[in-house]
Amino acid sequence: MKKLPTPHEQSWPVKKETSDYVRQQQEEAASKVDADFYRIIVETIREPVFVHRVFENGETGMFERVNTAACLMTGYAETELLRMRPVDLYEKEDLKHYSMAEYPDYEGRHNECLFESIIRHKSGKRIVTETSVNKVIFGSTPYFISTVHEITLRKEAYRDLAESNSRLQLIMDAAHAGIWEWNIQTNANIWTDELWRLYGLEPHSGEASYDLWLQSIALEDREKTEQIIIQSSKKGMEFTAEWRVHTEDGSERWLMSKGTPFRDRNGKVNRYVGIVLDVTRLKLAQKAEITEQSFRKAIIESIPGTFYPE
């Protein structure tokens, strides 16, 4: 005769089913907590963040997580972005950075790639960005996490600076002027190419230095010019100095330099930046004017008696 299970034994399956249900509920609750936790982390990042899955065949999945900053940058709502993939935002040439081949696994570490890219705004505007892509593994699934920093203003500033430097260089070349920088703490010097030529030196034939500049000055002007620099730098004042250099062909060149002090955050002068101009023609013109005035004066003084013009 078959033995019937005791009431205690009859309850075992029920308890097991209840235990599985509770465990499932706990896992779902833990998963929800994790999801909320990661959502909070992503939202606290000020830069736009995009998270999407990547497959071994090279296909990229749709964005699974974006933050508010990503919506503000692109002009899309979160619900719109979550139906999009990188190909919908990035220029074609930038998509190569989302290939698995760009992120080989080694020693179990995650991989990162940093590159400049163009993101297309919902309005059609092109946004210049710097994108940092990290490949991470969740469980056994690879994901790309992209953090984006807009650099449109920086690129425009670089372009404006380059154009400004080009215009300045044209002006400097036309004026036969050179620029110098002197760090009075380290005594390091930076000279433009034109400055070497003004000093009568072959560009980069040696190390730009205070001593090299001093040796290029005509001996008769050297001490006077150095004293102007020494006294001005001690007081942290601007200075203007004129001196002569002797060129290889034996001619004489007059130079004029103006130096401006720059201070560190403590208010102490730590460097000078200045310009050097070739003022030889001006000096010759002044000399010619003085000579002409002296000649006229000599003629007048040679006339006997007092001379009264009618």
C-alpha atoms as a PDB file:
ATOM      1  CA  MET A   1       0.000   0.000   0.000  1.00  0.00           C
ATOM      2  CA  LYS A   2       1.368   3.387  -1.030  1.00  0.00           C
ATOM      3  CA  LYS A   3       2.289   5.613   1.852  1.00  0.00           C
ATOM      4  CA  LEU A   4       0.624   9.001   1.801  1.00  0.00           C
ATOM      5  CA  PRO A   5       2.845  12.045   2.370  1.00  0.00           C
ATOM      6  CA  THR A   6       2.656  13.710   5.733  1.00  0.00           C
ATOM      7  CA  PRO A   7       1.216  17.229   5.956  1.00  0.00           C
ATOM      8  CA  HIS A   8       4.779  18.529   6.473  1.00  0.00           C
ATOM      9  CA  GLU A   9       5.988  16.738   3.339  1.00  0.00           C
ATOM     10  CA  GLN A  10       3.017  18.030   1.346  1.00  0.00           C
ATOM     11  CA  SER A  11       4.125  21.616   2.039  1.00  0.00           C
ATOM     12  CA  TRP A  12       7.619  21.204   0.522  1.00  0.00           C
ATOM     13  CA  PRO A  13       6.749  21.955  -3.140  1.00  0.00           C
ATOM     14  CA  VAL A  14       4.741  24.963  -2.077  1.00  0.00           C
ATOM     15  CA  LYS A  15       7.652  26.317  -0.068  1.00  0.00           C
ATOM     16  CA  LYS A  16      10.059  25.710  -2.932  1.00  0.00           C
ATOM     17  CA  GLU A  17       7.805  27.525  -5.391  1.00  0.00           C
ATOM     18  CA  THR A  18       7.423  30.335  -2.897  1.00  0.00           C
ATOM     19  CA  SER A  19      11.195  30.494  -2.439  1.00  0.00           C
ATOM     20  CA  ASP A  20      11.786  30.737  -6.207  1.00  0.00           C
ATOM     21  CA  TYR A  21       9.198  33.468  -6.510  1.00  0.00           C
ATOM     22  CA  VAL A  22      10.730  35.457  -3.674  1.00  0.00           C
ATOM     23  CA  ARG A  23      14.212  35.066  -5.169  1.00  0.00           C
ATOM     24  CA  GLN A  24      12.918  36.247  -8.539  1.00  0.00           C
ATOM     25  CA  GLN A  25      11.297  39.264  -6.915  1.00  0.00           C
ATOM     26  CA  GLN A  26      14.515  40.047  -5.061  1.00  0.00           C
ATOM     27  CA  GLU A  27      16.571  39.808  -8.243  1.00  0.00           C
ATOM     28  CA  GLU A  28      14.153  42.063 -10.110  1.00  0.00           C
ATOM     29  CA  ALA A  29      14.224  44.568  -7.249  1.00  0.00           C
ATOM     30  CA  ALA A  30      18.041  44.477  -7.178  1.00  0.00           C
ATOM     31  CA  SER A  31      18.136  44.950 -10.936  1.00  0.00           C
ATOM     32  CA  LYS A  32      15.836  47.954 -10.630  1.00  0.00           C
ATOM     33  CA  VAL A  33      18.047  49.422  -7.902  1.00  0.00           C
ATOM     34  CA  ASP A  34      21.114  48.931 -10.105  1.00  0.00           C
ATOM     35  CA  ALA A  35      19.354  50.554 -13.065  1.00  0.00           C
ATOM     36  CA  ASP A  36      18.292  53.513 -10.927  1.00  0.00           C
ATOM     37  CA  PHE A  37      21.810  53.771  -9.516  1.00  0.00           C
ATOM     38  CA  TYR A  38      23.444  53.863 -12.945  1.00  0.00           C
ATOM     39  CA  ARG A  39      20.811  56.326 -14.170  1.00  0.00           C
ATOM     40  CA  ILE A  40      21.670  58.665 -11.313  1.00  0.00           C
ATOM     41  CA  ILE A  41      25.393  58.358 -12.072  1.00  0.00           C
ATOM     42  CA  VAL A  42      24.887  59.120 -15.766  1.00  0.00           C
ATOM     43  CA  GLU A  43      22.661  62.110 -14.979  1.00  0.00           C
ATOM     44  CA  THR A  44      25.237  63.628 -12.626  1.00  0.00           C
ATOM     45  CA  ILE A  45      27.830  63.785 -15.441  1.00  0.00           C
ATOM     46  CA  ARG A  46      27.779  67.274 -16.923  1.00  0.00           C
ATOM     47  CA  GLU A  47      29.014  66.205 -20.337  1.00  0.00           C
ATOM     48  CA  PRO A  48      26.697  64.392 -22.788  1.00  0.00           C
ATOM     49  CA  VAL A  49      26.815  60.610 -22.310  1.00  0.00           C
ATOM     50  CA  PHE A  50      25.634  57.945 -24.775  1.00  0.00           C
ATOM     51  CA  VAL A  51      25.540  54.207 -23.962  1.00  0.00           C
ATOM     52  CA  HIS A  52      24.872  51.524 -26.571  1.00  0.00           C
ATOM     53  CA  ARG A  53      25.582  47.887 -27.250  1.00  0.00           C
ATOM     54  CA  VAL A  54      28.048  46.702 -29.889  1.00  0.00           C
ATOM     55  CA  PHE A  55      27.968  43.379 -31.697  1.00  0.00           C
ATOM     56  CA  GLU A  56      30.771  41.156 -32.950  1.00  0.00           C
ATOM     57  CA  ASN A  57      29.694  41.694 -36.568  1.00  0.00           C
ATOM     58  CA  GLY A  58      30.440  45.394 -36.198  1.00  0.00           C
ATOM     59  CA  GLU A  59      26.825  46.521 -35.890  1.00  0.00           C
ATOM     60  CA  THR A  60      26.042  49.041 -33.175  1.00  0.00           C
ATOM     61  CA  GLY A  61      22.818  48.877 -31.224  1.00  0.00           C
ATOM     62  CA  MET A  62      20.484  51.721 -30.422  1.00  0.00           C
ATOM     63  CA  PHE A  63      21.314  54.006 -27.539  1.00  0.00           C
ATOM     64  CA  GLU A  64      20.153  52.387 -24.325  1.00  0.00           C
ATOM     65  CA  ARG A  65      21.040  55.231 -22.016  1.00  0.00           C
ATOM     66  CA  VAL A  66      21.544  58.982 -22.563  1.00  0.00           C
ATOM     67  CA  ASN A  67      21.600  61.832 -20.077  1.00  0.00           C
ATOM     68  CA  THR A  68      19.974  65.257 -20.090  1.00  0.00           C
ATOM     69  CA  ALA A  69      23.184  66.890 -21.353  1.00  0.00           C
ATOM     70  CA  ALA A  70      23.058  64.640 -24.445  1.00  0.00           C
ATOM     71  CA  CYS A  71      19.524  65.822 -25.176  1.00  0.00           C
ATOM     72  CA  LEU A  72      20.491  69.470 -24.759  1.00  0.00           C
ATOM     73  CA  MET A  73      23.480  69.137 -27.089  1.00  0.00           C
ATOM     74  CA  THR A  74      21.692  67.284 -29.871  1.00  0.00           C
ATOM     75  CA  GLY A  75      18.270  68.932 -29.620  1.00  0.00           C
ATOM     76  CA  TYR A  76      16.537  65.532 -29.422  1.00  0.00           C
ATOM     77  CA  ALA A  77      14.279  64.321 -26.642  1.00  0.00           C
ATOM     78  CA  GLU A  78      15.393  61.262 -24.676  1.00  0.00           C
ATOM     79  CA  THR A  79      12.702  59.113 -26.283  1.00  0.00           C
ATOM     80  CA  GLU A  80      13.986  60.142 -29.730  1.00  0.00           C
ATOM     81  CA  LEU A  81      17.621  59.378 -28.908  1.00  0.00           C
ATOM     82  CA  LEU A  82      16.724  55.945 -27.551  1.00  0.00           C
ATOM     83  CA  ARG A  83      15.436  55.063 -31.026  1.00  0.00           C
ATOM     84  CA  MET A  84      18.686  56.181 -32.677  1.00  0.00           C
ATOM     85  CA  ARG A  85      22.178  54.756 -33.199  1.00  0.00           C
ATOM     86  CA  PRO A  86      25.590  56.447 -33.582  1.00  0.00           C
ATOM     87  CA  VAL A  87      25.181  56.397 -37.373  1.00  0.00           C
ATOM     88  CA  ASP A  88      22.214  58.756 -36.928  1.00  0.00           C
ATOM     89  CA  LEU A  89      24.334  61.367 -35.129  1.00  0.00           C
ATOM     90  CA  TYR A  90      27.940  61.094 -36.284  1.00  0.00           C
ATOM     91  CA  GLU A  91      29.574  61.867 -39.607  1.00  0.00           C
ATOM     92  CA  LYS A  92      30.402  58.775 -41.645  1.00  0.00           C
ATOM     93  CA  GLU A  93      34.174  59.121 -41.241  1.00  0.00           C
ATOM     94  CA  ASP A  94      33.805  59.134 -37.438  1.00  0.00           C
ATOM     95  CA  LEU A  95      31.954  55.807 -37.291  1.00  0.00           C
ATOM     96  CA  LYS A  96      35.206  53.850 -37.672  1.00  0.00           C
ATOM     97  CA  HIS A  97      35.863  54.596 -34.015  1.00  0.00           C
ATOM     98  CA  TYR A  98      32.840  52.476 -33.119  1.00  0.00           C
ATOM     99  CA  SER A  99      34.311  49.314 -34.609  1.00  0.00           C
ATOM    100  CA  MET A 100      35.223  46.455 -32.276  1.00  0.00           C
ATOM    101  CA  ALA A 101      38.571  46.258 -34.085  1.00  0.00           C
ATOM    102  CA  GLU A 102      39.472  49.644 -32.603  1.00  0.00           C
ATOM    103  CA  TYR A 103      39.256  48.222 -29.081  1.00  0.00           C
ATOM    104  CA  PRO A 104      41.197  44.939 -28.845  1.00  0.00           C
ATOM    105  CA  ASP A 105      40.925  43.152 -25.513  1.00  0.00           C
ATOM    106  CA  TYR A 106      44.146  42.683 -23.633  1.00  0.00           C
ATOM    107  CA  GLU A 107      44.722  41.420 -20.128  1.00  0.00           C
ATOM    108  CA  GLY A 108      41.045  41.824 -19.399  1.00  0.00           C
ATOM    109  CA  ARG A 109      41.306  45.621 -19.265  1.00  0.00           C
ATOM    110  CA  HIS A 110      38.852  48.060 -20.790  1.00  0.00           C
ATOM    111  CA  ASN A 111      39.840  50.136 -23.797  1.00  0.00           C
ATOM    112  CA  GLU A 112      39.452  53.809 -24.566  1.00  0.00           C
ATOM    113  CA  CYS A 113      39.645  55.958 -27.706  1.00  0.00           C
ATOM    114  CA  LEU A 114      39.690  59.765 -27.910  1.00  0.00           C
ATOM    115  CA  PHE A 115      38.975  61.565 -31.180  1.00  0.00           C
ATOM    116  CA  GLU A 116      37.524  64.733 -32.684  1.00  0.00           C
ATOM    117  CA  SER A 117      34.157  64.269 -34.305  1.00  0.00           C
ATOM    118  CA  ILE A 118      31.164  66.031 -35.819  1.00  0.00           C
ATOM    119  CA  ILE A 119      27.709  65.519 -34.308  1.00  0.00           C
ATOM    120  CA  ARG A 120      24.654  66.551 -36.275  1.00  0.00           C
ATOM    121  CA  HIS A 121      22.151  68.581 -34.259  1.00  0.00           C
ATOM    122  CA  LYS A 122      18.432  68.037 -34.838  1.00  0.00           C
ATOM    123  CA  SER A 123      18.347  71.431 -36.581  1.00  0.00           C
ATOM    124  CA  GLY A 124      21.036  70.306 -39.009  1.00  0.00           C
ATOM    125  CA  LYS A 125      23.809  72.311 -37.365  1.00  0.00           C
ATOM    126  CA  ARG A 126      27.190  70.570 -37.228  1.00  0.00           C
ATOM    127  CA  ILE A 127      28.753  70.517 -33.759  1.00  0.00           C
ATOM    128  CA  VAL A 128      32.504  70.002 -33.393  1.00  0.00           C
ATOM    129  CA  THR A 129      33.184  67.706 -30.449  1.00  0.00           C
ATOM    130  CA  GLU A 130      35.853  65.707 -28.702  1.00  0.00           C
ATOM    131  CA  THR A 131      34.519  62.229 -28.002  1.00  0.00           C
ATOM    132  CA  SER A 132      35.913  59.741 -25.510  1.00  0.00           C
ATOM    133  CA  VAL A 133      34.696  56.192 -26.145  1.00  0.00           C
ATOM    134  CA  ASN A 134      35.178  53.416 -23.599  1.00  0.00           C
ATOM    135  CA  LYS A 135      34.429  49.779 -24.320  1.00  0.00           C
ATOM    136  CA  VAL A 136      33.208  48.019 -21.189  1.00  0.00           C
ATOM    137  CA  ILE A 137      31.887  44.534 -20.594  1.00  0.00           C
ATOM    138  CA  PHE A 138      28.653  44.047 -18.646  1.00  0.00           C
ATOM    139  CA  GLY A 139      28.350  40.344 -17.955  1.00  0.00           C
ATOM    140  CA  SER A 140      29.451  39.032 -21.330  1.00  0.00           C
ATOM    141  CA  THR A 141      27.985  41.858 -23.413  1.00  0.00           C
ATOM    142  CA  PRO A 142      30.263  44.627 -24.765  1.00  0.00           C
ATOM    143  CA  TYR A 143      29.005  48.208 -24.555  1.00  0.00           C
ATOM    144  CA  PHE A 144      30.382  51.529 -25.747  1.00  0.00           C
ATOM    145  CA  ILE A 145      30.090  54.481 -23.384  1.00  0.00           C
ATOM    146  CA  SER A 146      30.705  57.785 -25.171  1.00  0.00           C
ATOM    147  CA  THR A 147      31.377  61.023 -23.299  1.00  0.00           C
ATOM    148  CA  VAL A 148      31.215  64.082 -25.539  1.00  0.00           C
ATOM    149  CA  HIS A 149      32.729  67.534 -25.057  1.00  0.00           C
ATOM    150  CA  GLU A 150      31.804  70.349 -27.441  1.00  0.00           C
ATOM    151  CA  ILE A 151      34.866  72.192 -28.762  1.00  0.00           C
ATOM    152  CA  THR A 152      33.240  74.368 -31.428  1.00  0.00           C
ATOM    153  CA  LEU A 153      34.232  77.589 -29.664  1.00  0.00           C
ATOM    154  CA  ARG A 154      37.749  76.290 -29.064  1.00  0.00           C
ATOM    155  CA  LYS A 155      38.191  75.402 -32.741  1.00  0.00           C
ATOM    156  CA  GLU A 156      36.874  78.815 -33.782  1.00  0.00           C
ATOM    157  CA  ALA A 157      39.266  80.472 -31.334  1.00  0.00           C
ATOM    158  CA  TYR A 158      42.183  78.460 -32.754  1.00  0.00           C
ATOM    159  CA  ARG A 159      41.184  79.452 -36.279  1.00  0.00           C
ATOM    160  CA  ASP A 160      40.886  83.128 -35.330  1.00  0.00           C
ATOM    161  CA  LEU A 161      44.235  82.941 -33.552  1.00  0.00           C
ATOM    162  CA  ALA A 162      45.889  81.357 -36.585  1.00  0.00           C
ATOM    163  CA  GLU A 163      44.468  84.050 -38.855  1.00  0.00           C
ATOM    164  CA  SER A 164      45.568  86.748 -36.411  1.00  0.00           C
ATOM    165  CA  ASN A 165      49.064  85.268 -36.264  1.00  0.00           C
ATOM    166  CA  SER A 166      49.226  85.204 -40.054  1.00  0.00           C
ATOM    167  CA  ARG A 167      48.253  88.872 -40.253  1.00  0.00           C
ATOM    168  CA  LEU A 168      50.742  89.732 -37.518  1.00  0.00           C
ATOM    169  CA  GLN A 169      53.489  87.861 -39.343  1.00  0.00           C
ATOM    170  CA  LEU A 170      52.776  89.806 -42.540  1.00  0.00           C
ATOM    171  CA  ILE A 171      52.995  93.060 -40.622  1.00  0.00           C
ATOM    172  CA  MET A 172      56.179  91.994 -38.874  1.00  0.00           C
ATOM    173  CA  ASP A 173      57.805  90.924 -42.128  1.00  0.00           C
ATOM    174  CA  ALA A 174      56.865  94.212 -43.815  1.00  0.00           C
ATOM    175  CA  ALA A 175      58.220  96.225 -40.887  1.00  0.00           C
ATOM    176  CA  HIS A 176      61.371  94.101 -40.571  1.00  0.00           C
ATOM    177  CA  ALA A 177      60.514  93.493 -36.922  1.00  0.00           C
ATOM    178  CA  GLY A 178      61.185  90.583 -34.587  1.00  0.00           C
ATOM    179  CA  ILE A 179      59.578  89.352 -31.364  1.00  0.00           C
ATOM    180  CA  TRP A 180      61.396  88.114 -28.286  1.00  0.00           C
ATOM    181  CA  GLU A 181      60.478  86.663 -24.903  1.00  0.00           C
ATOM    182  CA  TRP A 182      62.833  86.606 -21.926  1.00  0.00           C
ATOM    183  CA  ASN A 183      62.142  84.574 -18.781  1.00  0.00           C
ATOM    184  CA  ILE A 184      64.043  86.486 -16.132  1.00  0.00           C
ATOM    185  CA  GLN A 185      63.789  83.595 -13.644  1.00  0.00           C
ATOM    186  CA  THR A 186      65.287  80.899 -15.882  1.00  0.00           C
ATOM    187  CA  ASN A 187      67.050  83.309 -18.286  1.00  0.00           C
ATOM    188  CA  ALA A 188      65.507  81.356 -21.186  1.00  0.00           C
ATOM    189  CA  ASN A 189      64.927  83.270 -24.426  1.00  0.00           C
ATOM    190  CA  ILE A 190      62.592  82.776 -27.390  1.00  0.00           C
ATOM    191  CA  TRP A 191      63.318  84.634 -30.654  1.00  0.00           C
ATOM    192  CA  THR A 192      61.441  84.756 -33.935  1.00  0.00           C
ATOM    193  CA  ASP A 193      63.425  84.031 -37.116  1.00  0.00           C
ATOM    194  CA  GLU A 194      63.436  87.695 -38.149  1.00  0.00           C
ATOM    195  CA  LEU A 195      64.998  88.658 -34.827  1.00  0.00           C
ATOM    196  CA  TRP A 196      68.061  86.513 -35.555  1.00  0.00           C
ATOM    197  CA  ARG A 197      68.519  88.288 -38.876  1.00  0.00           C
ATOM    198  CA  LEU A 198      68.170  91.712 -37.251  1.00  0.00           C
ATOM    199  CA  TYR A 199      70.925  90.772 -34.826  1.00  0.00           C
ATOM    200  CA  GLY A 200      73.101  89.783 -37.768  1.00  0.00           C
ATOM    201  CA  LEU A 201      72.964  86.102 -36.823  1.00  0.00           C
ATOM    202  CA  GLU A 202      72.023  82.967 -38.752  1.00  0.00           C
ATOM    203  CA  PRO A 203      68.619  81.759 -37.496  1.00  0.00           C
ATOM    204  CA  HIS A 204      69.011  79.026 -34.862  1.00  0.00           C
ATOM    205  CA  SER A 205      72.785  78.940 -35.317  1.00  0.00           C
ATOM    206  CA  GLY A 206      73.017  78.680 -31.551  1.00  0.00           C
ATOM    207  CA  GLU A 207      70.835  78.853 -28.486  1.00  0.00           C
ATOM    208  CA  ALA A 208      68.879  82.062 -28.107  1.00  0.00           C
ATOM    209  CA  SER A 209      70.182  83.692 -24.942  1.00  0.00           C
ATOM    210  CA  TYR A 210      70.766  86.964 -23.152  1.00  0.00           C
ATOM    211  CA  ASP A 211      74.526  86.624 -23.640  1.00  0.00           C
ATOM    212  CA  LEU A 212      74.183  85.979 -27.374  1.00  0.00           C
ATOM    213  CA  TRP A 213      72.046  89.110 -27.734  1.00  0.00           C
ATOM    214  CA  LEU A 214      74.555  91.139 -25.717  1.00  0.00           C
ATOM    215  CA  GLN A 215      77.481  89.996 -27.877  1.00  0.00           C
ATOM    216  CA  SER A 216      75.611  91.032 -31.037  1.00  0.00           C
ATOM    217  CA  ILE A 217      75.513  94.676 -29.878  1.00  0.00           C
ATOM    218  CA  ALA A 218      78.221  97.017 -31.167  1.00  0.00           C
ATOM    219  CA  LEU A 219      80.869  97.367 -28.492  1.00  0.00           C
ATOM    220  CA  GLU A 220      80.396 101.138 -28.168  1.00  0.00           C
ATOM    221  CA  ASP A 221      76.668 100.666 -27.301  1.00  0.00           C
ATOM    222  CA  ARG A 222      76.877  97.469 -25.253  1.00  0.00           C
ATOM    223  CA  GLU A 223      77.315  98.772 -21.703  1.00  0.00           C
ATOM    224  CA  LYS A 224      74.770 101.574 -22.061  1.00  0.00           C
ATOM    225  CA  THR A 225      72.120  99.240 -23.487  1.00  0.00           C
ATOM    226  CA  GLU A 226      72.690  96.556 -20.856  1.00  0.00           C
ATOM    227  CA  GLN A 227      72.301  99.080 -18.047  1.00  0.00           C
ATOM    228  CA  ILE A 228      68.896 100.110 -19.413  1.00  0.00           C
ATOM    229  CA  ILE A 229      67.749  96.483 -19.366  1.00  0.00           C
ATOM    230  CA  ILE A 230      69.184  95.725 -15.914  1.00  0.00           C
ATOM    231  CA  GLN A 231      67.714  98.800 -14.232  1.00  0.00           C
ATOM    232  CA  SER A 232      64.281  98.350 -15.857  1.00  0.00           C
ATOM    233  CA  SER A 233      64.048  94.641 -15.012  1.00  0.00           C
ATOM    234  CA  LYS A 234      64.995  95.332 -11.367  1.00  0.00           C
ATOM    235  CA  LYS A 235      62.100  97.787 -11.097  1.00  0.00           C
ATOM    236  CA  GLY A 236      59.725  95.703 -13.229  1.00  0.00           C
ATOM    237  CA  MET A 237      59.250  98.581 -15.663  1.00  0.00           C
ATOM    238  CA  GLU A 238      58.807  98.864 -19.417  1.00  0.00           C
ATOM    239  CA  PHE A 239      61.876  99.903 -21.321  1.00  0.00           C
ATOM    240  CA  THR A 240      62.919 101.267 -24.686  1.00  0.00           C
ATOM    241  CA  ALA A 241      66.483 100.922 -25.888  1.00  0.00           C
ATOM    242  CA  GLU A 242      68.392 101.713 -29.066  1.00  0.00           C
ATOM    243  CA  TRP A 243      71.681 100.219 -30.167  1.00  0.00           C
ATOM    244  CA  ARG A 244      73.772  99.382 -33.195  1.00  0.00           C
ATOM    245  CA  VAL A 245      74.885  96.074 -34.659  1.00  0.00           C
ATOM    246  CA  HIS A 246      77.588  95.559 -37.267  1.00  0.00           C
ATOM    247  CA  THR A 247      76.549  93.326 -40.161  1.00  0.00           C
ATOM    248  CA  GLU A 248      78.801  90.907 -42.047  1.00  0.00           C
ATOM    249  CA  ASP A 249      79.242  93.346 -44.930  1.00  0.00           C
ATOM    250  CA  GLY A 250      80.596  95.943 -42.509  1.00  0.00           C
ATOM    251  CA  SER A 251      77.553  98.197 -42.563  1.00  0.00           C
ATOM    252  CA  GLU A 252      75.891  99.550 -39.455  1.00  0.00           C
ATOM    253  CA  ARG A 253      72.297  98.787 -38.446  1.00  0.00           C
ATOM    254  CA  TRP A 254      70.307 100.675 -35.828  1.00  0.00           C
ATOM    255  CA  LEU A 255      67.803  98.696 -33.766  1.00  0.00           C
ATOM    256  CA  MET A 256      65.165  99.824 -31.302  1.00  0.00           C
ATOM    257  CA  SER A 257      63.454  97.515 -28.812  1.00  0.00           C
ATOM    258  CA  LYS A 258      60.557  97.971 -26.438  1.00  0.00           C
ATOM    259  CA  GLY A 259      60.051  95.423 -23.619  1.00  0.00           C
ATOM    260  CA  THR A 260      56.896  94.900 -21.573  1.00  0.00           C
ATOM    261  CA  PRO A 261      56.908  93.076 -18.201  1.00  0.00           C
ATOM    262  CA  PHE A 262      54.448  90.297 -17.335  1.00  0.00           C
ATOM    263  CA  ARG A 263      53.679  89.230 -13.781  1.00  0.00           C
ATOM    264  CA  ASP A 264      52.816  85.900 -12.176  1.00  0.00           C
ATOM    265  CA  ARG A 265      49.793  85.315  -9.950  1.00  0.00           C
ATOM    266  CA  ASN A 266      51.713  86.762  -6.999  1.00  0.00           C
ATOM    267  CA  GLY A 267      52.328  90.021  -8.828  1.00  0.00           C
ATOM    268  CA  LYS A 268      56.032  89.370  -9.361  1.00  0.00           C
ATOM    269  CA  VAL A 269      57.545  90.080 -12.771  1.00  0.00           C
ATOM    270  CA  ASN A 270      58.662  86.755 -14.218  1.00  0.00           C
ATOM    271  CA  ARG A 271      59.155  87.521 -17.911  1.00  0.00           C
ATOM    272  CA  TYR A 272      59.444  90.231 -20.535  1.00  0.00           C
ATOM    273  CA  VAL A 273      58.019  90.213 -24.047  1.00  0.00           C
ATOM    274  CA  GLY A 274      59.132  92.733 -26.610  1.00  0.00           C
ATOM    275  CA  ILE A 275      59.596  93.811 -30.196  1.00  0.00           C
ATOM    276  CA  VAL A 276      62.709  94.862 -32.093  1.00  0.00           C
ATOM    277  CA  LEU A 277      62.516  97.233 -35.071  1.00  0.00           C
ATOM    278  CA  ASP A 278      65.093  98.183 -37.658  1.00  0.00           C
ATOM    279  CA  VAL A 279      65.249 101.997 -37.380  1.00  0.00           C
ATOM    280  CA  THR A 280      68.325 102.496 -39.567  1.00  0.00           C
ATOM    281  CA  ARG A 281      66.468 104.593 -42.174  1.00  0.00           C
ATOM    282  CA  LEU A 282      64.983 106.764 -39.443  1.00  0.00           C
ATOM    283  CA  LYS A 283      68.414 107.346 -37.946  1.00  0.00           C
ATOM    284  CA  LEU A 284      69.894 108.203 -41.353  1.00  0.00           C
ATOM    285  CA  ALA A 285      67.024 110.607 -42.030  1.00  0.00           C
ATOM    286  CA  GLN A 286      67.514 112.268 -38.651  1.00  0.00           C
ATOM    287  CA  LYS A 287      71.237 112.525 -39.301  1.00  0.00           C
ATOM    288  CA  ALA A 288      70.605 114.022 -42.733  1.00  0.00           C
ATOM    289  CA  GLU A 289      68.181 116.550 -41.223  1.00  0.00           C
ATOM    290  CA  ILE A 290      70.706 117.528 -38.575  1.00  0.00           C
ATOM    291  CA  THR A 291      73.409 117.842 -41.239  1.00  0.00           C
ATOM    292  CA  GLU A 292      71.158 120.027 -43.407  1.00  0.00           C
ATOM    293  CA  GLN A 293      70.235 122.230 -40.448  1.00  0.00           C
ATOM    294  CA  SER A 294      73.885 122.611 -39.534  1.00  0.00           C
ATOM    295  CA  PHE A 295      74.731 123.527 -43.159  1.00  0.00           C
ATOM    296  CA  ARG A 296      72.012 126.217 -43.243  1.00  0.00           C
ATOM    297  CA  LYS A 297      73.139 127.593 -39.911  1.00  0.00           C
ATOM    298  CA  ALA A 298      76.738 127.748 -41.113  1.00  0.00           C
ATOM    299  CA  ILE A 299      75.718 129.703 -44.244  1.00  0.00           C
ATOM    300  CA  ILE A 300      73.689 132.201 -42.235  1.00  0.00           C
ATOM    301  CA  GLU A 301      76.419 132.683 -39.673  1.00  0.00           C
ATOM    302  CA  SER A 302      78.960 133.265 -42.449  1.00  0.00           C
ATOM    303  CA  ILE A 303      77.102 136.372 -43.670  1.00  0.00           C
ATOM    304  CA  PRO A 304      78.744 139.506 -42.165  1.00  0.00           C
ATOM    305  CA  GLY A 305      76.552 141.864 -40.177  1.00  0.00           C
ATOM    306  CA  THR A 306      72.933 141.449 -39.277  1.00  0.00           C
ATOM    307  CA  PHE A 307      70.631 139.978 -41.867  1.00  0.00           C
ATOM    308  CA  TYR A 308      67.049 141.204 -42.024  1.00  0.00           C
ATOM    309  CA  PRO A 309      64.685 139.652 -44.562  1.00  0.00           C
ATOM    310  CA  GLU A 310      62.472 142.168 -46.365  1.00  0.00           C
END
